[in-house]
Amino acid sequence: MSGSNRELRGGGFDNEANSLAASNPIYVLPSDGVGAFIGFRVASLVPEPGTGLLVMVGVLGLAVTRRRAGVSA
């Protein structure tokens, strides 16, 4: 593409699925409005915990709290 074009990667919330891949850039002129193409994503290397894990941590937390308070289960 020409040196005056800008490359956008990742698409926006209302784009089709094939536009969301970072490997599929969109080229626009700086004078063109980019509208829904601009935004940001929050990424993490740690996956969200599942419901089972959250319940298990809650039950263990209650058990520890009860044991420290001297209440028998």
PDB file of N, CA and C in Angstrom:
ATOM      1  N   MET A   1       0.831  -1.188   0.000  1.00  0.00           N
ATOM      2  CA  MET A   1       0.000   0.000   0.000  1.00  0.00           C
ATOM      3  C   MET A   1       0.876   1.253   0.000  1.00  0.00           C
ATOM      4  N   SER A   2       0.285   2.353  -0.289  1.00  0.00           N
ATOM      5  CA  SER A   2       0.991   3.624  -0.352  1.00  0.00           C
ATOM      6  C   SER A   2       1.450   4.054   1.044  1.00  0.00           C
ATOM      7  N   GLY A   3       2.522   4.863   1.105  1.00  0.00           N
ATOM      8  CA  GLY A   3       3.062   5.330   2.373  1.00  0.00           C
ATOM      9  C   GLY A   3       2.107   6.224   3.131  1.00  0.00           C
ATOM     10  N   SER A   4       1.076   6.783   2.468  1.00  0.00           N
ATOM     11  CA  SER A   4       0.146   7.666   3.156  1.00  0.00           C
ATOM     12  C   SER A   4      -0.986   6.901   3.843  1.00  0.00           C
ATOM     13  N   ASN A   5      -1.103   5.621   3.564  1.00  0.00           N
ATOM     14  CA  ASN A   5      -2.156   4.822   4.200  1.00  0.00           C
ATOM     15  C   ASN A   5      -1.735   4.365   5.588  1.00  0.00           C
ATOM     16  N   ARG A   6      -2.710   4.123   6.426  1.00  0.00           N
ATOM     17  CA  ARG A   6      -2.465   3.591   7.760  1.00  0.00           C
ATOM     18  C   ARG A   6      -3.013   2.179   7.829  1.00  0.00           C
ATOM     19  N   GLU A   7      -2.305   1.344   8.546  1.00  0.00           N
ATOM     20  CA  GLU A   7      -2.708  -0.056   8.680  1.00  0.00           C
ATOM     21  C   GLU A   7      -3.347  -0.268  10.038  1.00  0.00           C
ATOM     22  N   LEU A   8      -4.556  -0.804  10.039  1.00  0.00           N
ATOM     23  CA  LEU A   8      -5.259  -1.122  11.278  1.00  0.00           C
ATOM     24  C   LEU A   8      -5.399  -2.632  11.364  1.00  0.00           C
ATOM     25  N   ARG A   9      -5.213  -3.172  12.543  1.00  0.00           N
ATOM     26  CA  ARG A   9      -5.327  -4.621  12.732  1.00  0.00           C
ATOM     27  C   ARG A   9      -6.284  -4.935  13.873  1.00  0.00           C
ATOM     28  N   GLY A  10      -7.038  -6.004  13.714  1.00  0.00           N
ATOM     29  CA  GLY A  10      -7.889  -6.483  14.789  1.00  0.00           C
ATOM     30  C   GLY A  10      -9.360  -6.161  14.645  1.00  0.00           C
ATOM     31  N   GLY A  11      -9.731  -5.228  13.803  1.00  0.00           N
ATOM     32  CA  GLY A  11     -11.134  -4.925  13.589  1.00  0.00           C
ATOM     33  C   GLY A  11     -11.818  -4.299  14.786  1.00  0.00           C
ATOM     34  N   GLY A  12     -13.126  -4.180  14.688  1.00  0.00           N
ATOM     35  CA  GLY A  12     -13.919  -3.584  15.748  1.00  0.00           C
ATOM     36  C   GLY A  12     -15.044  -4.502  16.168  1.00  0.00           C
ATOM     37  N   PHE A  13     -15.838  -4.051  17.124  1.00  0.00           N
ATOM     38  CA  PHE A  13     -16.873  -4.901  17.695  1.00  0.00           C
ATOM     39  C   PHE A  13     -17.967  -5.268  16.696  1.00  0.00           C
ATOM     40  N   ASP A  14     -18.173  -4.446  15.673  1.00  0.00           N
ATOM     41  CA  ASP A  14     -19.248  -4.738  14.725  1.00  0.00           C
ATOM     42  C   ASP A  14     -18.745  -5.256  13.383  1.00  0.00           C
ATOM     43  N   ASN A  15     -17.477  -5.662  13.311  1.00  0.00           N
ATOM     44  CA  ASN A  15     -16.931  -6.219  12.080  1.00  0.00           C
ATOM     45  C   ASN A  15     -17.218  -7.706  11.972  1.00  0.00           C
ATOM     46  N   GLU A  16     -17.109  -8.209  10.741  1.00  0.00           N
ATOM     47  CA  GLU A  16     -17.260  -9.646  10.544  1.00  0.00           C
ATOM     48  C   GLU A  16     -16.061 -10.385  11.131  1.00  0.00           C
ATOM     49  N   ALA A  17     -16.214 -11.671  11.359  1.00  0.00           N
ATOM     50  CA  ALA A  17     -15.186 -12.481  12.024  1.00  0.00           C
ATOM     51  C   ALA A  17     -13.852 -12.436  11.289  1.00  0.00           C
ATOM     52  N   ASN A  18     -13.859 -12.436   9.950  1.00  0.00           N
ATOM     53  CA  ASN A  18     -12.586 -12.445   9.223  1.00  0.00           C
ATOM     54  C   ASN A  18     -11.820 -11.133   9.373  1.00  0.00           C
ATOM     55  N   SER A  19     -12.467 -10.072   9.817  1.00  0.00           N
ATOM     56  CA  SER A  19     -11.790  -8.785  10.038  1.00  0.00           C
ATOM     57  C   SER A  19     -11.139  -8.706  11.412  1.00  0.00           C
ATOM     58  N   LEU A  20     -11.451  -9.636  12.296  1.00  0.00           N
ATOM     59  CA  LEU A  20     -10.961  -9.550  13.671  1.00  0.00           C
ATOM     60  C   LEU A  20      -9.548 -10.081  13.842  1.00  0.00           C
ATOM     61  N   ALA A  21      -9.072 -10.878  12.911  1.00  0.00           N
ATOM     62  CA  ALA A  21      -7.722 -11.445  13.023  1.00  0.00           C
ATOM     63  C   ALA A  21      -6.679 -10.360  12.789  1.00  0.00           C
ATOM     64  N   ALA A  22      -5.657 -10.337  13.629  1.00  0.00           N
ATOM     65  CA  ALA A  22      -4.577  -9.361  13.463  1.00  0.00           C
ATOM     66  C   ALA A  22      -3.807  -9.610  12.176  1.00  0.00           C
ATOM     67  N   SER A  23      -3.916 -10.814  11.626  1.00  0.00           N
ATOM     68  CA  SER A  23      -3.214 -11.141  10.384  1.00  0.00           C
ATOM     69  C   SER A  23      -3.941 -10.591   9.152  1.00  0.00           C
ATOM     70  N   ASN A  24      -5.082  -9.945   9.332  1.00  0.00           N
ATOM     71  CA  ASN A  24      -5.869  -9.402   8.240  1.00  0.00           C
ATOM     72  C   ASN A  24      -5.981  -7.888   8.404  1.00  0.00           C
ATOM     73  N   PRO A  25      -4.959  -7.123   7.981  1.00  0.00           N
ATOM     74  CA  PRO A  25      -4.974  -5.671   8.205  1.00  0.00           C
ATOM     75  C   PRO A  25      -5.987  -4.961   7.315  1.00  0.00           C
ATOM     76  N   ILE A  26      -6.427  -3.797   7.771  1.00  0.00           N
ATOM     77  CA  ILE A  26      -7.303  -2.919   7.006  1.00  0.00           C
ATOM     78  C   ILE A  26      -6.501  -1.653   6.739  1.00  0.00           C
ATOM     79  N   TYR A  27      -6.480  -1.195   5.494  1.00  0.00           N
ATOM     80  CA  TYR A  27      -5.718  -0.002   5.128  1.00  0.00           C
ATOM     81  C   TYR A  27      -6.669   1.164   4.926  1.00  0.00           C
ATOM     82  N   VAL A  28      -6.396   2.285   5.603  1.00  0.00           N
ATOM     83  CA  VAL A  28      -7.235   3.476   5.495  1.00  0.00           C
ATOM     84  C   VAL A  28      -6.349   4.709   5.342  1.00  0.00           C
ATOM     85  N   LEU A  29      -6.908   5.739   4.755  1.00  0.00           N
ATOM     86  CA  LEU A  29      -6.219   7.027   4.684  1.00  0.00           C
ATOM     87  C   LEU A  29      -6.404   7.746   6.014  1.00  0.00           C
ATOM     88  N   PRO A  30      -5.408   8.488   6.472  1.00  0.00           N
ATOM     89  CA  PRO A  30      -5.547   9.223   7.738  1.00  0.00           C
ATOM     90  C   PRO A  30      -6.735  10.192   7.714  1.00  0.00           C
ATOM     91  N   SER A  31      -7.086  10.710   6.530  1.00  0.00           N
ATOM     92  CA  SER A  31      -8.196  11.656   6.434  1.00  0.00           C
ATOM     93  C   SER A  31      -9.552  10.965   6.554  1.00  0.00           C
ATOM     94  N   ASP A  32      -9.594   9.646   6.330  1.00  0.00           N
ATOM     95  CA  ASP A  32     -10.848   8.894   6.474  1.00  0.00           C
ATOM     96  C   ASP A  32     -11.126   8.677   7.950  1.00  0.00           C
ATOM     97  N   GLY A  33     -12.354   8.772   8.329  1.00  0.00           N
ATOM     98  CA  GLY A  33     -12.703   8.428   9.708  1.00  0.00           C
ATOM     99  C   GLY A  33     -12.573   6.918   9.886  1.00  0.00           C
ATOM    100  N   VAL A  34     -12.070   6.484  11.014  1.00  0.00           N
ATOM    101  CA  VAL A  34     -11.902   5.045  11.230  1.00  0.00           C
ATOM    102  C   VAL A  34     -13.057   4.475  12.045  1.00  0.00           C
ATOM    103  N   GLY A  35     -13.874   5.308  12.661  1.00  0.00           N
ATOM    104  CA  GLY A  35     -15.084   4.882  13.340  1.00  0.00           C
ATOM    105  C   GLY A  35     -14.915   3.673  14.238  1.00  0.00           C
ATOM    106  N   ALA A  36     -15.636   2.616  13.917  1.00  0.00           N
ATOM    107  CA  ALA A  36     -15.677   1.424  14.764  1.00  0.00           C
ATOM    108  C   ALA A  36     -14.427   0.565  14.633  1.00  0.00           C
ATOM    109  N   PHE A  37     -13.467   0.967  13.792  1.00  0.00           N
ATOM    110  CA  PHE A  37     -12.248   0.171  13.630  1.00  0.00           C
ATOM    111  C   PHE A  37     -11.257   0.397  14.768  1.00  0.00           C
ATOM    112  N   ILE A  38     -11.422   1.466  15.529  1.00  0.00           N
ATOM    113  CA  ILE A  38     -10.449   1.803  16.568  1.00  0.00           C
ATOM    114  C   ILE A  38     -10.968   1.366  17.931  1.00  0.00           C
ATOM    115  N   GLY A  39     -10.070   0.849  18.747  1.00  0.00           N
ATOM    116  CA  GLY A  39     -10.428   0.413  20.087  1.00  0.00           C
ATOM    117  C   GLY A  39      -9.234  -0.267  20.724  1.00  0.00           C
ATOM    118  N   PHE A  40      -9.472  -1.031  21.757  1.00  0.00           N
ATOM    119  CA  PHE A  40      -8.390  -1.781  22.372  1.00  0.00           C
ATOM    120  C   PHE A  40      -8.960  -3.079  22.918  1.00  0.00           C
ATOM    121  N   ARG A  41      -8.087  -4.014  23.177  1.00  0.00           N
ATOM    122  CA  ARG A  41      -8.485  -5.294  23.744  1.00  0.00           C
ATOM    123  C   ARG A  41      -7.717  -5.518  25.028  1.00  0.00           C
ATOM    124  N   VAL A  42      -8.356  -6.158  25.962  1.00  0.00           N
ATOM    125  CA  VAL A  42      -7.702  -6.531  27.205  1.00  0.00           C
ATOM    126  C   VAL A  42      -7.381  -8.015  27.098  1.00  0.00           C
ATOM    127  N   ALA A  43      -6.120  -8.340  27.241  1.00  0.00           N
ATOM    128  CA  ALA A  43      -5.705  -9.735  27.106  1.00  0.00           C
ATOM    129  C   ALA A  43      -4.961 -10.166  28.363  1.00  0.00           C
ATOM    130  N   SER A  44      -5.008 -11.445  28.620  1.00  0.00           N
ATOM    131  CA  SER A  44      -4.343 -11.986  29.794  1.00  0.00           C
ATOM    132  C   SER A  44      -3.792 -13.362  29.463  1.00  0.00           C
ATOM    133  N   LEU A  45      -2.675 -13.688  30.065  1.00  0.00           N
ATOM    134  CA  LEU A  45      -2.114 -15.015  29.887  1.00  0.00           C
ATOM    135  C   LEU A  45      -2.783 -16.026  30.809  1.00  0.00           C
ATOM    136  N   VAL A  46      -3.471 -15.527  31.840  1.00  0.00           N
ATOM    137  CA  VAL A  46      -4.125 -16.397  32.812  1.00  0.00           C
ATOM    138  C   VAL A  46      -5.597 -16.507  32.437  1.00  0.00           C
ATOM    139  N   PRO A  47      -6.123 -17.710  32.181  1.00  0.00           N
ATOM    140  CA  PRO A  47      -7.538 -17.848  31.828  1.00  0.00           C
ATOM    141  C   PRO A  47      -8.446 -17.568  33.025  1.00  0.00           C
ATOM    142  N   GLU A  48      -9.686 -17.216  32.736  1.00  0.00           N
ATOM    143  CA  GLU A  48     -10.650 -16.989  33.806  1.00  0.00           C
ATOM    144  C   GLU A  48     -10.945 -18.312  34.499  1.00  0.00           C
ATOM    145  N   PRO A  49     -11.117 -18.273  35.803  1.00  0.00           N
ATOM    146  CA  PRO A  49     -11.415 -19.521  36.520  1.00  0.00           C
ATOM    147  C   PRO A  49     -12.842 -19.990  36.225  1.00  0.00           C
ATOM    148  N   GLY A  50     -13.020 -21.299  36.220  1.00  0.00           N
ATOM    149  CA  GLY A  50     -14.341 -21.871  36.009  1.00  0.00           C
ATOM    150  C   GLY A  50     -15.177 -21.799  37.274  1.00  0.00           C
ATOM    151  N   THR A  51     -16.466 -22.052  37.143  1.00  0.00           N
ATOM    152  CA  THR A  51     -17.385 -21.995  38.272  1.00  0.00           C
ATOM    153  C   THR A  51     -16.995 -22.996  39.356  1.00  0.00           C
ATOM    154  N   GLY A  52     -16.624 -24.220  38.956  1.00  0.00           N
ATOM    155  CA  GLY A  52     -16.241 -25.246  39.928  1.00  0.00           C
ATOM    156  C   GLY A  52     -15.080 -24.809  40.795  1.00  0.00           C
ATOM    157  N   LEU A  53     -14.086 -24.195  40.171  1.00  0.00           N
ATOM    158  CA  LEU A  53     -12.927 -23.721  40.927  1.00  0.00           C
ATOM    159  C   LEU A  53     -13.326 -22.620  41.907  1.00  0.00           C
ATOM    160  N   LEU A  54     -14.175 -21.709  41.471  1.00  0.00           N
ATOM    161  CA  LEU A  54     -14.622 -20.629  42.360  1.00  0.00           C
ATOM    162  C   LEU A  54     -15.401 -21.174  43.551  1.00  0.00           C
ATOM    163  N   VAL A  55     -16.253 -22.174  43.326  1.00  0.00           N
ATOM    164  CA  VAL A  55     -17.008 -22.790  44.419  1.00  0.00           C
ATOM    165  C   VAL A  55     -16.053 -23.482  45.386  1.00  0.00           C
ATOM    166  N   MET A  56     -15.060 -24.205  44.842  1.00  0.00           N
ATOM    167  CA  MET A  56     -14.104 -24.915  45.688  1.00  0.00           C
ATOM    168  C   MET A  56     -13.319 -23.937  46.564  1.00  0.00           C
ATOM    169  N   VAL A  57     -12.874 -22.833  45.991  1.00  0.00           N
ATOM    170  CA  VAL A  57     -12.126 -21.832  46.760  1.00  0.00           C
ATOM    171  C   VAL A  57     -13.021 -21.230  47.843  1.00  0.00           C
ATOM    172  N   GLY A  58     -14.293 -20.990  47.523  1.00  0.00           N
ATOM    173  CA  GLY A  58     -15.223 -20.458  48.518  1.00  0.00           C
ATOM    174  C   GLY A  58     -15.446 -21.420  49.674  1.00  0.00           C
ATOM    175  N   VAL A  59     -15.624 -22.706  49.365  1.00  0.00           N
ATOM    176  CA  VAL A  59     -15.831 -23.714  50.412  1.00  0.00           C
ATOM    177  C   VAL A  59     -14.586 -23.843  51.282  1.00  0.00           C
ATOM    178  N   LEU A  60     -13.424 -23.860  50.663  1.00  0.00           N
ATOM    179  CA  LEU A  60     -12.182 -23.933  51.441  1.00  0.00           C
ATOM    180  C   LEU A  60     -12.005 -22.698  52.320  1.00  0.00           C
ATOM    181  N   GLY A  61     -12.365 -21.547  51.795  1.00  0.00           N
ATOM    182  CA  GLY A  61     -12.279 -20.312  52.580  1.00  0.00           C
ATOM    183  C   GLY A  61     -13.192 -20.352  53.790  1.00  0.00           C
ATOM    184  N   LEU A  62     -14.401 -20.869  53.612  1.00  0.00           N
ATOM    185  CA  LEU A  62     -15.324 -21.004  54.744  1.00  0.00           C
ATOM    186  C   LEU A  62     -14.785 -21.989  55.771  1.00  0.00           C
ATOM    187  N   ALA A  63     -14.213 -23.108  55.302  1.00  0.00           N
ATOM    188  CA  ALA A  63     -13.663 -24.114  56.223  1.00  0.00           C
ATOM    189  C   ALA A  63     -12.528 -23.518  57.060  1.00  0.00           C
ATOM    190  N   VAL A  64     -11.648 -22.753  56.416  1.00  0.00           N
ATOM    191  CA  VAL A  64     -10.532 -22.135  57.139  1.00  0.00           C
ATOM    192  C   VAL A  64     -11.057 -21.121  58.146  1.00  0.00           C
ATOM    193  N   THR A  65     -12.033 -20.334  57.747  1.00  0.00           N
ATOM    194  CA  THR A  65     -12.608 -19.323  58.639  1.00  0.00           C
ATOM    195  C   THR A  65     -13.261 -19.967  59.852  1.00  0.00           C
ATOM    196  N   ARG A  66     -14.007 -21.045  59.625  1.00  0.00           N
ATOM    197  CA  ARG A  66     -14.670 -21.735  60.730  1.00  0.00           C
ATOM    198  C   ARG A  66     -13.644 -22.361  61.681  1.00  0.00           C
ATOM    199  N   ARG A  67     -12.594 -22.945  61.099  1.00  0.00           N
ATOM    200  CA  ARG A  67     -11.569 -23.589  61.936  1.00  0.00           C
ATOM    201  C   ARG A  67     -10.867 -22.551  62.808  1.00  0.00           C
ATOM    202  N   ARG A  68     -10.557 -21.383  62.244  1.00  0.00           N
ATOM    203  CA  ARG A  68      -9.890 -20.319  63.016  1.00  0.00           C
ATOM    204  C   ARG A  68     -10.800 -19.773  64.102  1.00  0.00           C
ATOM    205  N   ALA A  69     -12.106 -19.759  63.846  1.00  0.00           N
ATOM    206  CA  ALA A  69     -13.060 -19.239  64.831  1.00  0.00           C
ATOM    207  C   ALA A  69     -13.397 -20.273  65.887  1.00  0.00           C
ATOM    208  N   GLY A  70     -12.964 -21.521  65.692  1.00  0.00           N
ATOM    209  CA  GLY A  70     -13.215 -22.572  66.673  1.00  0.00           C
ATOM    210  C   GLY A  70     -14.588 -23.207  66.542  1.00  0.00           C
ATOM    211  N   VAL A  71     -15.260 -22.998  65.422  1.00  0.00           N
ATOM    212  CA  VAL A  71     -16.578 -23.593  65.190  1.00  0.00           C
ATOM    213  C   VAL A  71     -16.373 -24.939  64.532  1.00  0.00           C
ATOM    214  N   SER A  72     -16.971 -25.986  65.056  1.00  0.00           N
ATOM    215  CA  SER A  72     -16.802 -27.308  64.441  1.00  0.00           C
ATOM    216  C   SER A  72     -17.784 -27.462  63.298  1.00  0.00           C
ATOM    217  N   ALA A  73     -17.332 -28.088  62.253  1.00  0.00           N
ATOM    218  CA  ALA A  73     -18.161 -28.269  61.067  1.00  0.00           C
ATOM    219  C   ALA A  73     -18.998 -29.517  61.180  1.00  0.00           C
TER     220      ALA A  73
END
